[in-house]
Amino acid sequence: MDPARMRSFFLKPSNPLQRQYEVLRAVLVDEQPMQEVAQRFGYRYDTVRTLVSQFRHQFTAGQLPPFSPRPNAGVPPARPSP
């Protein structure tokens, strides 16, 4: 296993949803400046600011962002009774 390659999966994500998740995590959890986060993940500052604003609005409204698990995800539907 290549530890540098595994770290790169998190530090330089290629999937757009994972990139958004990592951006939000860096700003909201690690409390890193939006300008630095934008540069690190290849976004413009305005884009990061918009992502954070949309997340806060969705979170306050009780809406889950697209990278969050859905309620009952992976749970098969109940079978109808005979």
PDB file of N, CA and C in Angstrom:
ATOM      1  N   MET A   1       0.837  -1.188   0.000  1.00  0.00           N
ATOM      2  CA  MET A   1       0.000   0.000   0.000  1.00  0.00           C
ATOM      3  C   MET A   1       0.873   1.239   0.000  1.00  0.00           C
ATOM      4  N   ASP A   2       0.383   2.248  -0.688  1.00  0.00           N
ATOM      5  CA  ASP A   2       1.118   3.494  -0.813  1.00  0.00           C
ATOM      6  C   ASP A   2       0.447   4.571   0.033  1.00  0.00           C
ATOM      7  N   PRO A   3       1.010   4.889   1.222  1.00  0.00           N
ATOM      8  CA  PRO A   3       0.375   5.875   2.107  1.00  0.00           C
ATOM      9  C   PRO A   3       0.189   7.243   1.452  1.00  0.00           C
ATOM     10  N   ALA A   4       1.134   7.682   0.644  1.00  0.00           N
ATOM     11  CA  ALA A   4       1.015   8.997  -0.011  1.00  0.00           C
ATOM     12  C   ALA A   4      -0.173   9.013  -0.965  1.00  0.00           C
ATOM     13  N   ARG A   5      -0.371   7.923  -1.666  1.00  0.00           N
ATOM     14  CA  ARG A   5      -1.506   7.829  -2.602  1.00  0.00           C
ATOM     15  C   ARG A   5      -2.835   7.826  -1.848  1.00  0.00           C
ATOM     16  N   MET A   6      -2.857   7.150  -0.708  1.00  0.00           N
ATOM     17  CA  MET A   6      -4.090   7.128   0.089  1.00  0.00           C
ATOM     18  C   MET A   6      -4.386   8.518   0.655  1.00  0.00           C
ATOM     19  N   ARG A   7      -3.364   9.226   1.128  1.00  0.00           N
ATOM     20  CA  ARG A   7      -3.570  10.593   1.619  1.00  0.00           C
ATOM     21  C   ARG A   7      -4.079  11.496   0.507  1.00  0.00           C
ATOM     22  N   SER A   8      -3.556  11.292  -0.685  1.00  0.00           N
ATOM     23  CA  SER A   8      -3.967  12.092  -1.837  1.00  0.00           C
ATOM     24  C   SER A   8      -5.458  11.929  -2.125  1.00  0.00           C
ATOM     25  N   PHE A   9      -6.000  10.759  -1.854  1.00  0.00           N
ATOM     26  CA  PHE A   9      -7.439  10.525  -2.043  1.00  0.00           C
ATOM     27  C   PHE A   9      -8.250  11.543  -1.262  1.00  0.00           C
ATOM     28  N   PHE A  10      -7.793  11.890  -0.063  1.00  0.00           N
ATOM     29  CA  PHE A  10      -8.510  12.842   0.786  1.00  0.00           C
ATOM     30  C   PHE A  10      -8.078  14.284   0.536  1.00  0.00           C
ATOM     31  N   LEU A  11      -6.798  14.494   0.291  1.00  0.00           N
ATOM     32  CA  LEU A  11      -6.292  15.854   0.153  1.00  0.00           C
ATOM     33  C   LEU A  11      -6.482  16.438  -1.245  1.00  0.00           C
ATOM     34  N   LYS A  12      -6.587  15.571  -2.256  1.00  0.00           N
ATOM     35  CA  LYS A  12      -6.775  16.027  -3.640  1.00  0.00           C
ATOM     36  C   LYS A  12      -7.874  15.195  -4.300  1.00  0.00           C
ATOM     37  N   PRO A  13      -9.095  15.300  -3.790  1.00  0.00           N
ATOM     38  CA  PRO A  13     -10.177  14.476  -4.335  1.00  0.00           C
ATOM     39  C   PRO A  13     -10.513  14.859  -5.778  1.00  0.00           C
ATOM     40  N   SER A  14     -10.830  13.855  -6.576  1.00  0.00           N
ATOM     41  CA  SER A  14     -11.181  14.113  -7.982  1.00  0.00           C
ATOM     42  C   SER A  14     -12.689  14.111  -8.200  1.00  0.00           C
ATOM     43  N   ASN A  15     -13.426  13.419  -7.356  1.00  0.00           N
ATOM     44  CA  ASN A  15     -14.876  13.387  -7.477  1.00  0.00           C
ATOM     45  C   ASN A  15     -15.456  14.720  -6.995  1.00  0.00           C
ATOM     46  N   PRO A  16     -16.311  15.372  -7.790  1.00  0.00           N
ATOM     47  CA  PRO A  16     -16.844  16.688  -7.409  1.00  0.00           C
ATOM     48  C   PRO A  16     -17.556  16.711  -6.054  1.00  0.00           C
ATOM     49  N   LEU A  17     -18.342  15.697  -5.745  1.00  0.00           N
ATOM     50  CA  LEU A  17     -19.038  15.685  -4.452  1.00  0.00           C
ATOM     51  C   LEU A  17     -18.058  15.512  -3.295  1.00  0.00           C
ATOM     52  N   GLN A  18     -17.042  14.700  -3.498  1.00  0.00           N
ATOM     53  CA  GLN A  18     -16.040  14.531  -2.447  1.00  0.00           C
ATOM     54  C   GLN A  18     -15.260  15.835  -2.251  1.00  0.00           C
ATOM     55  N   ARG A  19     -14.961  16.528  -3.349  1.00  0.00           N
ATOM     56  CA  ARG A  19     -14.263  17.820  -3.239  1.00  0.00           C
ATOM     57  C   ARG A  19     -15.103  18.800  -2.426  1.00  0.00           C
ATOM     58  N   GLN A  20     -16.396  18.853  -2.708  1.00  0.00           N
ATOM     59  CA  GLN A  20     -17.276  19.759  -1.970  1.00  0.00           C
ATOM     60  C   GLN A  20     -17.306  19.388  -0.492  1.00  0.00           C
ATOM     61  N   TYR A  21     -17.392  18.105  -0.209  1.00  0.00           N
ATOM     62  CA  TYR A  21     -17.387  17.640   1.177  1.00  0.00           C
ATOM     63  C   TYR A  21     -16.102  18.091   1.880  1.00  0.00           C
ATOM     64  N   GLU A  22     -14.956  17.857   1.240  1.00  0.00           N
ATOM     65  CA  GLU A  22     -13.680  18.205   1.849  1.00  0.00           C
ATOM     66  C   GLU A  22     -13.548  19.713   2.039  1.00  0.00           C
ATOM     67  N   VAL A  23     -14.071  20.496   1.101  1.00  0.00           N
ATOM     68  CA  VAL A  23     -14.057  21.954   1.238  1.00  0.00           C
ATOM     69  C   VAL A  23     -14.876  22.374   2.456  1.00  0.00           C
ATOM     70  N   LEU A  24     -16.090  21.858   2.554  1.00  0.00           N
ATOM     71  CA  LEU A  24     -16.951  22.206   3.683  1.00  0.00           C
ATOM     72  C   LEU A  24     -16.341  21.761   5.004  1.00  0.00           C
ATOM     73  N   ARG A  25     -15.762  20.591   5.013  1.00  0.00           N
ATOM     74  CA  ARG A  25     -15.140  20.087   6.239  1.00  0.00           C
ATOM     75  C   ARG A  25     -13.977  20.982   6.656  1.00  0.00           C
ATOM     76  N   ALA A  26     -13.158  21.377   5.686  1.00  0.00           N
ATOM     77  CA  ALA A  26     -12.006  22.229   5.992  1.00  0.00           C
ATOM     78  C   ALA A  26     -12.456  23.575   6.578  1.00  0.00           C
ATOM     79  N   VAL A  27     -13.530  24.133   6.024  1.00  0.00           N
ATOM     80  CA  VAL A  27     -13.999  25.442   6.488  1.00  0.00           C
ATOM     81  C   VAL A  27     -14.761  25.320   7.807  1.00  0.00           C
ATOM     82  N   LEU A  28     -15.696  24.379   7.882  1.00  0.00           N
ATOM     83  CA  LEU A  28     -16.602  24.323   9.024  1.00  0.00           C
ATOM     84  C   LEU A  28     -16.073  23.514  10.211  1.00  0.00           C
ATOM     85  N   VAL A  29     -15.279  22.503   9.954  1.00  0.00           N
ATOM     86  CA  VAL A  29     -14.768  21.671  11.046  1.00  0.00           C
ATOM     87  C   VAL A  29     -13.358  22.115  11.455  1.00  0.00           C
ATOM     88  N   ASP A  30     -12.497  22.254  10.456  1.00  0.00           N
ATOM     89  CA  ASP A  30     -11.110  22.624  10.747  1.00  0.00           C
ATOM     90  C   ASP A  30     -10.927  24.138  10.873  1.00  0.00           C
ATOM     91  N   GLU A  31     -11.977  24.890  10.565  1.00  0.00           N
ATOM     92  CA  GLU A  31     -11.992  26.355  10.670  1.00  0.00           C
ATOM     93  C   GLU A  31     -10.840  27.013   9.917  1.00  0.00           C
ATOM     94  N   GLN A  32     -10.577  26.484   8.711  1.00  0.00           N
ATOM     95  CA  GLN A  32      -9.544  27.063   7.865  1.00  0.00           C
ATOM     96  C   GLN A  32     -10.143  28.209   7.048  1.00  0.00           C
ATOM     97  N   PRO A  33      -9.360  29.218   6.731  1.00  0.00           N
ATOM     98  CA  PRO A  33      -9.864  30.349   5.951  1.00  0.00           C
ATOM     99  C   PRO A  33     -10.341  29.906   4.563  1.00  0.00           C
ATOM    100  N   MET A  34     -11.465  30.459   4.144  1.00  0.00           N
ATOM    101  CA  MET A  34     -12.046  30.083   2.849  1.00  0.00           C
ATOM    102  C   MET A  34     -11.090  30.336   1.691  1.00  0.00           C
ATOM    103  N   GLN A  35     -10.316  31.410   1.749  1.00  0.00           N
ATOM    104  CA  GLN A  35      -9.373  31.712   0.675  1.00  0.00           C
ATOM    105  C   GLN A  35      -8.337  30.606   0.522  1.00  0.00           C
ATOM    106  N   GLU A  36      -7.792  30.132   1.640  1.00  0.00           N
ATOM    107  CA  GLU A  36      -6.803  29.052   1.602  1.00  0.00           C
ATOM    108  C   GLU A  36      -7.428  27.752   1.099  1.00  0.00           C
ATOM    109  N   VAL A  37      -8.635  27.462   1.564  1.00  0.00           N
ATOM    110  CA  VAL A  37      -9.328  26.239   1.149  1.00  0.00           C
ATOM    111  C   VAL A  37      -9.609  26.284  -0.350  1.00  0.00           C
ATOM    112  N   ALA A  38     -10.030  27.429  -0.837  1.00  0.00           N
ATOM    113  CA  ALA A  38     -10.308  27.583  -2.272  1.00  0.00           C
ATOM    114  C   ALA A  38      -9.051  27.284  -3.090  1.00  0.00           C
ATOM    115  N   GLN A  39      -7.932  27.840  -2.685  1.00  0.00           N
ATOM    116  CA  GLN A  39      -6.676  27.606  -3.412  1.00  0.00           C
ATOM    117  C   GLN A  39      -6.269  26.141  -3.363  1.00  0.00           C
ATOM    118  N   ARG A  40      -6.405  25.530  -2.200  1.00  0.00           N
ATOM    119  CA  ARG A  40      -5.978  24.130  -2.044  1.00  0.00           C
ATOM    120  C   ARG A  40      -6.783  23.175  -2.904  1.00  0.00           C
ATOM    121  N   PHE A  41      -8.096  23.446  -3.027  1.00  0.00           N
ATOM    122  CA  PHE A  41      -8.950  22.522  -3.767  1.00  0.00           C
ATOM    123  C   PHE A  41      -9.283  22.999  -5.179  1.00  0.00           C
ATOM    124  N   GLY A  42      -8.657  24.078  -5.619  1.00  0.00           N
ATOM    125  CA  GLY A  42      -8.823  24.528  -6.996  1.00  0.00           C
ATOM    126  C   GLY A  42     -10.146  25.222  -7.273  1.00  0.00           C
ATOM    127  N   TYR A  43     -10.711  25.860  -6.264  1.00  0.00           N
ATOM    128  CA  TYR A  43     -11.951  26.618  -6.434  1.00  0.00           C
ATOM    129  C   TYR A  43     -11.643  28.104  -6.337  1.00  0.00           C
ATOM    130  N   ARG A  44     -12.546  28.906  -6.849  1.00  0.00           N
ATOM    131  CA  ARG A  44     -12.482  30.345  -6.607  1.00  0.00           C
ATOM    132  C   ARG A  44     -13.046  30.608  -5.209  1.00  0.00           C
ATOM    133  N   TYR A  45     -12.604  31.706  -4.602  1.00  0.00           N
ATOM    134  CA  TYR A  45     -13.094  32.070  -3.272  1.00  0.00           C
ATOM    135  C   TYR A  45     -14.616  32.185  -3.260  1.00  0.00           C
ATOM    136  N   ASP A  46     -15.181  32.830  -4.289  1.00  0.00           N
ATOM    137  CA  ASP A  46     -16.632  33.010  -4.353  1.00  0.00           C
ATOM    138  C   ASP A  46     -17.369  31.676  -4.388  1.00  0.00           C
ATOM    139  N   THR A  47     -16.780  30.693  -5.031  1.00  0.00           N
ATOM    140  CA  THR A  47     -17.402  29.367  -5.108  1.00  0.00           C
ATOM    141  C   THR A  47     -17.439  28.720  -3.726  1.00  0.00           C
ATOM    142  N   VAL A  48     -16.334  28.813  -2.992  1.00  0.00           N
ATOM    143  CA  VAL A  48     -16.290  28.239  -1.637  1.00  0.00           C
ATOM    144  C   VAL A  48     -17.289  28.957  -0.741  1.00  0.00           C
ATOM    145  N   ARG A  49     -17.329  30.265  -0.844  1.00  0.00           N
ATOM    146  CA  ARG A  49     -18.273  31.045  -0.035  1.00  0.00           C
ATOM    147  C   ARG A  49     -19.716  30.624  -0.343  1.00  0.00           C
ATOM    148  N   THR A  50     -20.020  30.388  -1.614  1.00  0.00           N
ATOM    149  CA  THR A  50     -21.356  29.944  -2.014  1.00  0.00           C
ATOM    150  C   THR A  50     -21.646  28.544  -1.479  1.00  0.00           C
ATOM    151  N   LEU A  51     -20.671  27.634  -1.578  1.00  0.00           N
ATOM    152  CA  LEU A  51     -20.859  26.274  -1.048  1.00  0.00           C
ATOM    153  C   LEU A  51     -21.170  26.307   0.446  1.00  0.00           C
ATOM    154  N   VAL A  52     -20.432  27.114   1.185  1.00  0.00           N
ATOM    155  CA  VAL A  52     -20.640  27.215   2.637  1.00  0.00           C
ATOM    156  C   VAL A  52     -22.015  27.814   2.926  1.00  0.00           C
ATOM    157  N   SER A  53     -22.369  28.858   2.206  1.00  0.00           N
ATOM    158  CA  SER A  53     -23.666  29.507   2.407  1.00  0.00           C
ATOM    159  C   SER A  53     -24.818  28.549   2.101  1.00  0.00           C
ATOM    160  N   GLN A  54     -24.716  27.831   0.983  1.00  0.00           N
ATOM    161  CA  GLN A  54     -25.764  26.873   0.624  1.00  0.00           C
ATOM    162  C   GLN A  54     -25.871  25.759   1.652  1.00  0.00           C
ATOM    163  N   PHE A  55     -24.727  25.272   2.124  1.00  0.00           N
ATOM    164  CA  PHE A  55     -24.745  24.216   3.134  1.00  0.00           C
ATOM    165  C   PHE A  55     -25.433  24.697   4.404  1.00  0.00           C
ATOM    166  N   ARG A  56     -25.070  25.889   4.868  1.00  0.00           N
ATOM    167  CA  ARG A  56     -25.684  26.423   6.088  1.00  0.00           C
ATOM    168  C   ARG A  56     -27.188  26.573   5.917  1.00  0.00           C
ATOM    169  N   HIS A  57     -27.609  27.070   4.756  1.00  0.00           N
ATOM    170  CA  HIS A  57     -29.039  27.241   4.486  1.00  0.00           C
ATOM    171  C   HIS A  57     -29.747  25.883   4.477  1.00  0.00           C
ATOM    172  N   GLN A  58     -29.177  24.905   3.759  1.00  0.00           N
ATOM    173  CA  GLN A  58     -29.779  23.568   3.688  1.00  0.00           C
ATOM    174  C   GLN A  58     -29.821  22.923   5.067  1.00  0.00           C
ATOM    175  N   PHE A  59     -28.742  23.046   5.809  1.00  0.00           N
ATOM    176  CA  PHE A  59     -28.663  22.438   7.136  1.00  0.00           C
ATOM    177  C   PHE A  59     -29.723  23.031   8.049  1.00  0.00           C
ATOM    178  N   THR A  60     -29.852  24.354   8.025  1.00  0.00           N
ATOM    179  CA  THR A  60     -30.844  25.039   8.852  1.00  0.00           C
ATOM    180  C   THR A  60     -32.261  24.626   8.467  1.00  0.00           C
ATOM    181  N   ALA A  61     -32.476  24.379   7.173  1.00  0.00           N
ATOM    182  CA  ALA A  61     -33.796  23.986   6.682  1.00  0.00           C
ATOM    183  C   ALA A  61     -34.063  22.487   6.855  1.00  0.00           C
ATOM    184  N   GLY A  62     -33.072  21.755   7.386  1.00  0.00           N
ATOM    185  CA  GLY A  62     -33.249  20.319   7.593  1.00  0.00           C
ATOM    186  C   GLY A  62     -33.059  19.493   6.341  1.00  0.00           C
ATOM    187  N   GLN A  63     -32.443  20.066   5.316  1.00  0.00           N
ATOM    188  CA  GLN A  63     -32.189  19.344   4.067  1.00  0.00           C
ATOM    189  C   GLN A  63     -30.780  18.758   4.106  1.00  0.00           C
ATOM    190  N   LEU A  64     -30.651  17.539   3.638  1.00  0.00           N
ATOM    191  CA  LEU A  64     -29.349  16.890   3.621  1.00  0.00           C
ATOM    192  C   LEU A  64     -28.611  17.242   2.337  1.00  0.00           C
ATOM    193  N   PRO A  65     -27.314  17.524   2.420  1.00  0.00           N
ATOM    194  CA  PRO A  65     -26.545  17.747   1.202  1.00  0.00           C
ATOM    195  C   PRO A  65     -26.409  16.443   0.423  1.00  0.00           C
ATOM    196  N   PRO A  66     -26.069  16.524  -0.870  1.00  0.00           N
ATOM    197  CA  PRO A  66     -26.052  15.316  -1.714  1.00  0.00           C
ATOM    198  C   PRO A  66     -25.070  14.239  -1.292  1.00  0.00           C
ATOM    199  N   PHE A  67     -24.053  14.569  -0.502  1.00  0.00           N
ATOM    200  CA  PHE A  67     -23.078  13.550  -0.103  1.00  0.00           C
ATOM    201  C   PHE A  67     -23.423  12.906   1.233  1.00  0.00           C
ATOM    202  N   SER A  68     -24.550  13.278   1.823  1.00  0.00           N
ATOM    203  CA  SER A  68     -24.969  12.698   3.098  1.00  0.00           C
ATOM    204  C   SER A  68     -25.775  11.429   2.867  1.00  0.00           C
ATOM    205  N   PRO A  69     -25.657  10.473   3.773  1.00  0.00           N
ATOM    206  CA  PRO A  69     -26.465   9.262   3.624  1.00  0.00           C
ATOM    207  C   PRO A  69     -27.946   9.600   3.780  1.00  0.00           C
ATOM    208  N   ARG A  70     -28.738   8.969   2.992  1.00  0.00           N
ATOM    209  CA  ARG A  70     -30.182   9.168   3.050  1.00  0.00           C
ATOM    210  C   ARG A  70     -30.766   8.301   4.160  1.00  0.00           C
ATOM    211  N   PRO A  71     -31.847   8.758   4.773  1.00  0.00           N
ATOM    212  CA  PRO A  71     -32.497   7.908   5.774  1.00  0.00           C
ATOM    213  C   PRO A  71     -32.871   6.560   5.142  1.00  0.00           C
ATOM    214  N   ASN A  72     -32.611   5.514   5.869  1.00  0.00           N
ATOM    215  CA  ASN A  72     -32.907   4.148   5.431  1.00  0.00           C
ATOM    216  C   ASN A  72     -32.072   3.719   4.230  1.00  0.00           C
ATOM    217  N   ALA A  73     -30.975   4.394   3.951  1.00  0.00           N
ATOM    218  CA  ALA A  73     -30.120   4.005   2.832  1.00  0.00           C
ATOM    219  C   ALA A  73     -29.566   2.611   3.089  1.00  0.00           C
ATOM    220  N   GLY A  74     -29.679   1.770   2.111  1.00  0.00           N
ATOM    221  CA  GLY A  74     -29.165   0.424   2.221  1.00  0.00           C
ATOM    222  C   GLY A  74     -30.081  -0.522   2.971  1.00  0.00           C
ATOM    223  N   VAL A  75     -31.202  -0.051   3.439  1.00  0.00           N
ATOM    224  CA  VAL A  75     -32.164  -0.901   4.126  1.00  0.00           C
ATOM    225  C   VAL A  75     -33.203  -1.331   3.117  1.00  0.00           C
ATOM    226  N   PRO A  76     -33.347  -2.624   2.870  1.00  0.00           N
ATOM    227  CA  PRO A  76     -34.343  -3.058   1.900  1.00  0.00           C
ATOM    228  C   PRO A  76     -35.751  -2.705   2.348  1.00  0.00           C
ATOM    229  N   PRO A  77     -36.630  -2.403   1.403  1.00  0.00           N
ATOM    230  CA  PRO A  77     -38.009  -2.078   1.796  1.00  0.00           C
ATOM    231  C   PRO A  77     -38.686  -3.264   2.463  1.00  0.00           C
ATOM    232  N   ALA A  78     -39.590  -2.966   3.337  1.00  0.00           N
ATOM    233  CA  ALA A  78     -40.318  -4.036   4.031  1.00  0.00           C
ATOM    234  C   ALA A  78     -41.156  -4.805   3.020  1.00  0.00           C
ATOM    235  N   ARG A  79     -41.216  -6.100   3.246  1.00  0.00           N
ATOM    236  CA  ARG A  79     -42.033  -6.935   2.356  1.00  0.00           C
ATOM    237  C   ARG A  79     -43.509  -6.796   2.746  1.00  0.00           C
ATOM    238  N   PRO A  80     -44.367  -6.737   1.741  1.00  0.00           N
ATOM    239  CA  PRO A  80     -45.788  -6.692   2.089  1.00  0.00           C
ATOM    240  C   PRO A  80     -46.208  -8.002   2.735  1.00  0.00           C
ATOM    241  N   SER A  81     -47.114  -7.930   3.676  1.00  0.00           N
ATOM    242  CA  SER A  81     -47.583  -9.146   4.342  1.00  0.00           C
ATOM    243  C   SER A  81     -48.470  -9.933   3.387  1.00  0.00           C
ATOM    244  N   PRO A  82     -48.434 -11.272   3.502  1.00  0.00           N
ATOM    245  CA  PRO A  82     -49.223 -12.126   2.580  1.00  0.00           C
ATOM    246  C   PRO A  82     -50.704 -12.016   2.789  1.00  0.00           C
TER     247      PRO A  82
END
